[in-house]
Protein backbone atom coordinates (compact mmCIF):
# COMPACT_ATOMS: atom_id res chain seq x y z
CA PHE A 1 6.39 16.69 16.13
CA MET A 2 6.66 13.15 17.35
CA CYS A 3 7.45 11.51 20.65
CA LYS A 4 7.13 7.99 22.00
CA LEU A 5 3.45 8.69 22.69
CA LYS A 6 3.11 8.94 18.93
CA LEU A 7 2.16 12.60 18.89
CA TYR A 8 2.03 13.91 15.33
CA ILE A 9 1.23 17.60 14.88
CA THR A 10 1.36 19.56 11.67
CA CYS A 11 2.46 23.19 11.52
CA ILE A 12 2.45 24.79 8.09
CA LEU A 13 5.37 27.17 7.64
CA PHE A 14 5.80 29.50 4.68
CA TRP A 15 9.33 30.68 4.00
CA GLY A 16 10.50 32.65 0.98
CA ALA A 17 8.89 31.80 -2.33
CA THR A 18 6.04 29.29 -2.74
CA LEU A 19 6.65 25.78 -4.10
CA SER A 20 4.09 23.94 -6.19
CA SER A 21 3.42 20.19 -6.63
CA TYR A 22 2.42 18.56 -9.89
CA SER A 23 1.41 15.21 -11.28
CA GLN A 24 1.47 13.62 -14.67
CA ASN A 25 -1.67 13.18 -16.77
CA ILE A 26 -1.26 10.31 -19.25
CA GLY A 27 -4.61 9.54 -20.87
CA ASP A 28 -7.35 7.59 -19.17
CA LEU A 29 -4.91 5.43 -17.19
CA SER A 30 -3.39 8.30 -15.20
CA TYR A 31 -3.70 7.34 -11.54
CA GLY A 32 -0.77 8.21 -9.29
CA THR A 33 0.07 11.69 -8.01
CA ASP A 34 3.08 13.17 -6.26
CA SER A 35 1.09 13.86 -3.09
CA THR A 36 -0.57 10.44 -2.58
CA LEU A 37 0.58 6.90 -1.89
CA GLU A 38 -0.73 4.32 -4.35
CA VAL A 39 -0.67 0.56 -3.78
CA ILE A 40 -2.00 -1.75 -6.50
CA THR A 41 -2.54 -5.52 -6.50
CA TRP A 42 -2.65 -7.18 -9.91
CA ASN A 43 -2.80 -10.84 -10.96
CA LEU A 44 -0.99 -10.94 -14.32
CA GLU A 45 -2.30 -14.39 -15.30
CA ASN A 46 0.57 -16.60 -16.48
CA PHE A 47 2.84 -13.64 -17.20
CA PRO A 48 3.70 -13.13 -19.96
CA LYS A 49 0.76 -14.96 -21.52
CA GLU A 50 1.53 -13.53 -24.99
CA ASP A 51 5.28 -13.04 -24.55
CA GLN A 52 6.58 -9.70 -25.87
CA THR A 53 3.07 -8.41 -26.59
CA THR A 54 2.17 -8.82 -22.91
CA MET A 55 5.42 -7.21 -21.81
CA ASP A 56 4.81 -4.20 -24.07
CA TYR A 57 1.25 -3.76 -22.76
CA VAL A 58 2.27 -4.05 -19.11
CA THR A 59 5.18 -1.63 -19.57
CA GLN A 60 2.84 0.98 -21.06
CA ILE A 61 0.20 0.43 -18.36
CA VAL A 62 2.63 0.65 -15.44
CA THR A 63 4.19 3.82 -16.86
CA ALA A 64 0.76 5.41 -17.40
CA LEU A 65 -0.61 4.48 -13.96
CA ASP A 66 2.38 6.14 -12.26
CA ALA A 67 1.72 4.24 -9.02
CA ASP A 68 4.20 3.83 -6.15
CA ILE A 69 3.85 0.12 -5.34
CA ILE A 70 2.42 -2.67 -7.53
CA ALA A 71 2.09 -6.13 -5.96
CA LEU A 72 1.92 -8.81 -8.67
CA GLN A 73 0.79 -12.43 -8.79
CA GLU A 74 1.24 -15.19 -11.40
CA ILE A 75 4.66 -14.04 -12.64
CA TYR A 76 5.81 -17.30 -14.26
CA ASP A 77 8.83 -16.22 -16.33
CA LEU A 78 11.50 -14.61 -14.16
CA TYR A 79 13.79 -13.83 -17.09
CA MET A 80 11.11 -11.96 -19.05
CA PHE A 81 9.92 -10.16 -15.91
CA ASN A 82 13.43 -8.85 -15.28
CA GLN A 83 13.75 -7.96 -18.95
CA MET A 84 10.56 -5.91 -18.68
CA LEU A 85 11.94 -4.14 -15.60
CA ASP A 86 14.95 -3.05 -17.62
CA ASP A 87 12.57 -1.28 -20.02
CA LEU A 88 10.58 0.45 -17.26
CA ASP A 89 12.13 3.88 -16.79
CA GLY A 90 11.85 5.12 -13.22
CA TYR A 91 10.85 1.73 -11.79
CA SER A 92 12.59 -1.14 -10.07
CA GLY A 93 11.24 -4.50 -9.01
CA PHE A 94 11.77 -7.75 -7.19
CA ILE A 95 10.84 -11.36 -7.77
CA VAL A 96 11.87 -14.36 -5.68
CA PRO A 97 14.34 -16.56 -7.59
CA GLY A 98 13.10 -20.11 -8.18
CA ASN A 99 10.06 -21.87 -9.58
CA TYR A 100 7.91 -22.37 -6.48
CA THR A 101 6.47 -18.85 -6.21
CA ASP A 102 4.79 -16.38 -8.54
CA LEU A 103 4.82 -13.18 -6.47
CA ALA A 104 6.68 -9.99 -7.37
CA TYR A 105 6.77 -6.23 -6.87
CA ILE A 106 7.26 -3.21 -9.09
CA TYR A 107 7.93 0.10 -7.34
CA LYS A 108 8.70 3.68 -8.31
CA SER A 109 12.35 4.35 -7.57
CA SER A 110 11.96 8.10 -7.08
CA SER A 111 9.28 7.90 -4.37
CA VAL A 112 9.87 4.59 -2.60
CA GLU A 113 12.84 3.72 -0.40
CA ILE A 114 13.08 -0.05 0.10
CA ASN A 115 14.18 -1.31 3.51
CA ASP A 116 13.67 -5.02 2.93
CA ILE A 117 11.78 -7.59 0.80
CA TYR A 118 11.34 -11.12 2.12
CA GLU A 119 9.04 -14.15 2.27
CA ILE A 120 7.20 -15.38 5.36
CA TYR A 121 5.73 -18.80 6.26
CA THR A 122 8.21 -20.57 3.99
CA SER A 123 8.64 -23.86 5.87
CA SER A 124 6.88 -27.05 4.77
CA ALA A 125 4.57 -26.83 7.80
CA TYR A 126 2.79 -23.91 6.06
CA TRP A 127 2.59 -25.26 2.52
CA THR A 128 -1.06 -26.24 2.93
CA PRO A 129 -2.41 -22.78 3.84
CA PHE A 130 0.20 -21.04 1.66
CA PRO A 131 0.93 -22.75 -1.67
CA ARG A 132 2.98 -19.58 -2.31
CA PRO A 133 4.69 -17.90 0.69
CA PRO A 134 3.49 -14.31 1.22
CA LEU A 135 5.99 -11.72 0.00
CA VAL A 136 6.58 -8.73 2.32
CA ILE A 137 7.95 -5.36 1.24
CA ASP A 138 9.09 -2.89 3.93
CA PHE A 139 9.49 0.63 2.52
CA ASN A 140 9.54 4.32 3.36
CA PHE A 141 7.42 6.93 1.59
CA LYS A 142 7.56 10.64 2.43
CA GLY A 143 9.16 9.94 5.78
CA TYR A 144 6.66 7.25 6.82
CA ASN A 145 7.28 3.52 7.07
CA PHE A 146 4.86 1.06 5.44
CA ILE A 147 4.49 -2.70 5.05
CA VAL A 148 2.78 -4.53 2.17
CA ILE A 149 2.08 -8.27 2.40
CA ASN A 150 1.49 -9.71 -1.06
CA ASN A 151 -0.53 -12.96 -1.27
CA HIS A 152 -1.81 -15.48 -3.78
CA LEU A 153 -4.01 -17.89 -1.85
CA LYS A 154 -5.27 -21.32 -2.87
CA CYS A 155 -7.90 -21.22 -5.58
CA CYS A 156 -11.19 -22.99 -6.14
CA GLY A 157 -13.51 -24.87 -3.79
CA ASP A 158 -17.23 -25.41 -3.36
CA GLY A 159 -17.99 -22.32 -1.27
CA THR A 160 -18.33 -24.29 1.97
CA MET A 161 -15.67 -24.52 4.65
CA ASP A 162 -14.89 -27.97 6.03
CA PRO A 163 -12.62 -27.47 9.10
CA GLY A 164 -12.23 -31.22 9.44
CA ASP A 165 -10.54 -31.49 6.03
CA PRO A 166 -7.10 -29.79 5.99
CA ASP A 167 -7.05 -30.00 2.17
CA ASP A 168 -10.40 -28.21 1.79
CA GLU A 169 -9.74 -25.09 -0.30
CA GLU A 170 -11.83 -22.73 1.83
CA THR A 171 -10.24 -24.09 5.01
CA ARG A 172 -6.77 -23.49 3.56
CA ARG A 173 -7.64 -19.87 2.77
CA PHE A 174 -9.21 -19.43 6.20
CA ARG A 175 -6.05 -20.71 7.91
CA ALA A 176 -3.91 -18.47 5.69
CA ASN A 177 -5.81 -15.34 6.71
CA ASN A 178 -5.59 -16.29 10.38
CA LEU A 179 -1.83 -16.76 10.06
CA ILE A 180 -1.42 -13.41 8.30
CA GLN A 181 -3.26 -11.66 11.11
CA GLN A 182 -1.17 -13.49 13.71
CA TYR A 183 2.01 -12.41 11.93
CA ILE A 184 0.91 -8.77 11.84
CA ASP A 185 -0.15 -8.80 15.49
CA GLU A 186 3.21 -10.26 16.52
CA TYR A 187 5.69 -8.48 14.23
CA PHE A 188 3.88 -5.32 13.07
CA PRO A 189 1.64 -4.34 16.02
CA ASP A 190 2.11 -0.60 15.43
CA LYS A 191 3.00 -0.59 11.72
CA MET A 192 0.97 0.71 8.79
CA VAL A 193 0.24 -2.52 6.91
CA PHE A 194 -1.48 -3.34 3.63
CA ILE A 195 -2.62 -6.96 3.07
CA VAL A 196 -3.11 -7.37 -0.68
CA GLY A 197 -3.34 -9.97 -3.38
CA ASP A 198 -5.40 -12.49 -5.26
CA MET A 199 -7.19 -13.96 -2.24
CA ASN A 200 -9.38 -16.24 -4.39
CA ASP A 201 -12.50 -15.74 -2.29
CA GLU A 202 -15.43 -13.40 -1.67
CA LEU A 203 -15.74 -10.92 1.18
CA THR A 204 -19.51 -11.31 1.13
CA ASP A 205 -19.87 -14.98 2.14
CA GLU A 206 -21.87 -15.82 5.25
CA ALA A 207 -19.81 -15.89 8.45
CA ASP A 208 -19.64 -19.69 8.73
CA ASN A 209 -18.02 -19.96 5.31
CA ASN A 210 -16.21 -16.62 5.15
CA VAL A 211 -12.45 -17.18 4.95
CA PHE A 212 -11.82 -13.55 5.96
CA ARG A 213 -13.84 -13.84 9.17
CA ILE A 214 -10.86 -13.24 11.49
CA MET A 215 -10.32 -9.74 10.07
CA LEU A 216 -13.93 -8.86 9.31
CA GLU A 217 -14.81 -9.52 12.97
CA ASP A 218 -12.02 -7.22 14.19
CA PRO A 219 -13.08 -3.82 12.75
CA GLU A 220 -11.09 -1.87 15.35
CA ASN A 221 -7.85 -3.19 13.89
CA TYR A 222 -8.55 -4.34 10.30
CA LEU A 223 -10.55 -2.97 7.40
CA PHE A 224 -11.04 -4.19 3.83
CA ALA A 225 -10.64 -1.04 1.78
CA ASP A 226 -12.43 -2.67 -1.16
CA HIS A 227 -15.49 -3.81 0.81
CA GLU A 228 -17.82 -1.34 -0.92
CA ILE A 229 -16.66 -2.72 -4.27
CA ALA A 230 -17.36 -6.29 -3.12
CA VAL A 231 -20.95 -5.48 -2.14
CA GLY A 232 -21.51 -3.23 -5.15
CA ASN A 233 -22.24 -3.64 -8.84
CA SER A 234 -20.62 -6.68 -10.44
CA ASN A 235 -19.48 -4.49 -13.34
CA ASN A 236 -16.82 -3.12 -10.99
CA TRP A 237 -15.44 -6.43 -9.74
CA SER A 238 -11.87 -7.60 -10.27
CA TYR A 239 -12.66 -10.89 -12.03
CA PRO A 240 -15.30 -10.13 -14.68
CA THR A 241 -15.30 -13.49 -16.45
CA TRP A 242 -17.01 -15.32 -13.58
CA PRO A 243 -17.99 -12.58 -12.43
CA SER A 244 -16.61 -12.29 -8.88
CA HIS A 245 -14.45 -10.02 -6.75
CA LEU A 246 -11.41 -12.04 -5.64
CA ASP A 247 -8.60 -9.48 -5.35
CA HIS A 248 -8.53 -7.50 -2.13
CA ILE A 249 -6.78 -4.78 -0.15
CA ALA A 250 -7.03 -4.78 3.65
CA ILE A 251 -5.38 -2.22 5.94
CA THR A 252 -4.52 -2.02 9.64
CA ASN A 253 -5.93 0.65 11.94
CA GLU A 254 -2.81 2.82 11.66
CA LEU A 255 -4.00 3.60 8.11
CA PHE A 256 -7.65 4.30 8.96
CA SER A 257 -7.16 8.08 9.14
CA ALA A 258 -5.55 8.08 5.69
CA PHE A 259 -8.31 5.88 4.27
CA GLU A 260 -10.96 8.27 5.60
CA ASN A 261 -9.11 11.35 4.38
CA GLU A 262 -10.54 13.42 1.54
CA GLY A 263 -8.71 12.47 -1.63
CA SER A 264 -8.28 8.80 -0.71
CA VAL A 265 -9.99 6.23 -2.93
CA THR A 266 -10.10 2.47 -3.55
CA GLN A 267 -11.16 1.21 -6.96
CA VAL A 268 -10.90 -1.53 -9.55
CA LEU A 269 -8.95 -0.19 -12.51
CA LYS A 270 -10.76 -0.97 -15.76
CA ILE A 271 -7.66 -1.03 -17.93
CA GLU A 272 -9.59 -2.57 -20.79
CA GLU A 273 -11.52 0.66 -21.34
CA SER A 274 -8.29 2.30 -22.54
CA ILE A 275 -7.30 -0.54 -24.90
CA ALA A 276 -8.55 -0.87 -28.45
CA GLY A 277 -10.70 -3.98 -28.56
CA GLY A 278 -11.74 -3.71 -24.90
CA TRP A 279 -12.02 -6.60 -22.48
CA TRP A 280 -11.34 -9.46 -24.90
CA VAL A 281 -8.08 -7.93 -26.11
CA TYR A 282 -7.12 -7.23 -22.50
CA GLU A 283 -7.91 -10.79 -21.40
CA ASP A 284 -6.22 -12.43 -24.41
CA ASN A 285 -3.00 -10.45 -24.05
CA ILE A 286 -2.66 -9.34 -20.43
CA SER A 287 -4.80 -11.00 -17.74
CA ASP A 288 -8.21 -12.26 -16.69
CA HIS A 289 -7.96 -10.11 -13.53
CA ARG A 290 -8.30 -6.35 -13.25
CA PRO A 291 -5.98 -4.49 -10.87
CA VAL A 292 -7.38 -3.29 -7.53
CA ALA A 293 -5.85 -0.03 -6.32
CA ILE A 294 -5.84 2.17 -3.24
CA LYS A 295 -4.78 5.81 -3.30
CA LEU A 296 -4.15 7.44 0.08
CA ALA A 297 -3.89 11.14 0.87
CA LEU A 298 -1.68 11.02 3.94
CA PRO A 299 -2.96 13.12 6.88
CA ALA A 300 -0.79 14.72 9.55
CA ASP A 301 -1.86 12.21 12.21
CA LEU A 302 -1.00 9.17 10.08
CA GLY A 303 -0.01 6.12 12.11
CA ILE A 304 -1.39 7.28 15.44
CA GLY A 305 -4.12 4.63 15.54
CA GLY A 306 -5.59 4.40 19.02
CA THR A 307 -2.64 5.79 20.97
CA GLU A 308 -2.83 8.35 23.76
CA ASP A 309 -3.77 11.91 22.88
CA VAL A 310 -1.43 14.68 24.03
CA ALA A 311 -2.95 18.12 24.60
CA GLY A 312 -1.44 21.16 22.95
CA ARG A 313 -0.17 22.12 19.55
CA LEU A 314 2.80 23.69 17.82
CA VAL A 315 2.90 27.48 17.60
CA CYS A 316 5.26 29.05 15.07
CA TYR A 317 6.08 32.77 15.18
CA PRO A 318 6.60 34.53 12.90
CA ASN A 319 4.76 32.54 10.25
CA PRO A 320 5.21 33.34 7.35
CA MET A 321 8.88 34.06 8.06
CA ASN A 322 11.87 35.45 6.21
CA GLN A 323 14.80 33.73 7.92
CA ALA A 324 13.90 32.35 11.37
CA THR A 325 10.94 31.32 13.46
CA THR A 326 10.43 30.21 17.05
CA ILE A 327 8.46 26.99 17.48
CA THR A 328 6.68 26.65 20.81
CA LEU A 329 6.20 23.00 21.75
CA PRO A 330 3.33 21.35 23.62
CA SER A 331 4.14 19.52 26.83
CA TYR A 332 5.43 15.96 26.42
CA SER A 333 7.24 13.30 28.40
CA GLY A 334 10.05 11.02 27.35
CA PRO A 335 12.41 11.28 24.34
CA ALA A 336 11.11 13.30 21.42
CA ALA A 337 12.23 14.70 18.09
CA ILE A 338 10.95 17.27 15.64
CA SER A 339 11.14 16.97 11.85
CA ILE A 340 10.12 19.58 9.27
CA TYR A 341 9.15 18.49 5.77
CA ASN A 342 8.71 20.57 2.63
CA ILE A 343 5.55 20.26 0.55
CA GLN A 344 7.16 17.46 -1.51
CA GLY A 345 7.61 15.32 1.60
CA GLN A 346 11.39 15.81 1.93
CA ILE A 347 12.92 16.42 5.36
CA VAL A 348 14.54 19.87 5.51
CA TYR A 349 15.27 19.94 9.25
CA SER A 350 15.40 17.45 12.10
CA GLU A 351 16.47 17.75 15.73
CA THR A 352 16.33 15.61 18.86
CA LEU A 353 14.66 17.49 21.70
CA ALA A 354 15.75 17.69 25.28
CA ALA A 355 13.35 16.34 27.93
CA SER A 356 10.41 18.75 28.38
CA GLN A 357 11.96 21.31 26.00
CA ALA A 358 9.55 24.23 25.62
CA SER A 359 10.65 25.78 22.33
CA LEU A 360 13.31 25.92 19.64
CA SER A 361 14.47 28.40 17.04
CA TRP A 362 14.71 27.35 13.40
CA ASN A 363 16.89 29.36 11.03
CA THR A 364 16.28 28.80 7.30
CA ALA A 365 19.35 30.60 5.95
CA ASP A 366 20.64 27.36 4.37
CA VAL A 367 17.23 26.03 3.28
CA PRO A 368 15.77 26.76 -0.19
CA ASP A 369 12.68 28.97 -0.28
CA GLY A 370 9.41 27.06 -0.02
CA ILE A 371 6.49 25.83 2.09
């Protein structure tokens, strides 16, 4: 149940026979499930660094991971990237035409509905903070709307920010993160947003030299999902050769409840452990970066953030039911609608409610048995 106050209430209904969910298990690389949303960021260093060999490896890895959204950096050959997409059953993708960017997406066609993909901060005024314009993907998953902002920020530097030098690498990354936050605050104030990519800097720097300071100092609205990785054992970092942890996933507060939900996890995927020859074969043929991934179990109150609480809850009787049930609604004001999803996240019923409507009757004669 949802109204303009962002009231989300879950009522579990059982009708007819029980449905079951399932997920694939494909060796050590199995990651995605039917019931969770997975977003991965992966720098594919100079793709394809070993031509067809790289393409074959990446095709196998993407298929095995079974993730919903993969944000990629350093895609340098558009033709070979699109050729690889043709060989990826069940996946589609997008890369910006031209030679000035290296960002791309791969997404699972069966679970992700794309609304739009576009670049931001493309004008020459932003070329200093953004050598590659961030690439935004707006998509729906299980009835929810999400935004991913894919980034590849300026590399290198001496670890010290010099605000007086606009060409200073740390200053460029600092400005880029400030601009990303400004964009989200202006255009996505109530959206569920992931900020991902090869950010080329550490989360653990002291405040004066921390390029992520604008988000780290706003914990009510932003959270780095990989922070525990950044402060943890270097064996689990995304860039082992240095070693350092440079690839990050931040989320906005509308996703906090999902992040805290049991079953949600953020991790660096050690792909090399499933490849004969280990890290050196992985680095020689695929990338010098490991993917960083977030898996979210989506709770019923997803997207509410800090909005007003509305007292009351849905009451369904009878429940379980054979053919019909009456749903008693909590009090609400303003326009509202009710949607009922099956256990696979598909909408089976939706209706706009009249102002202050107290109840409705749902008849399942034309709906397949399920939960």
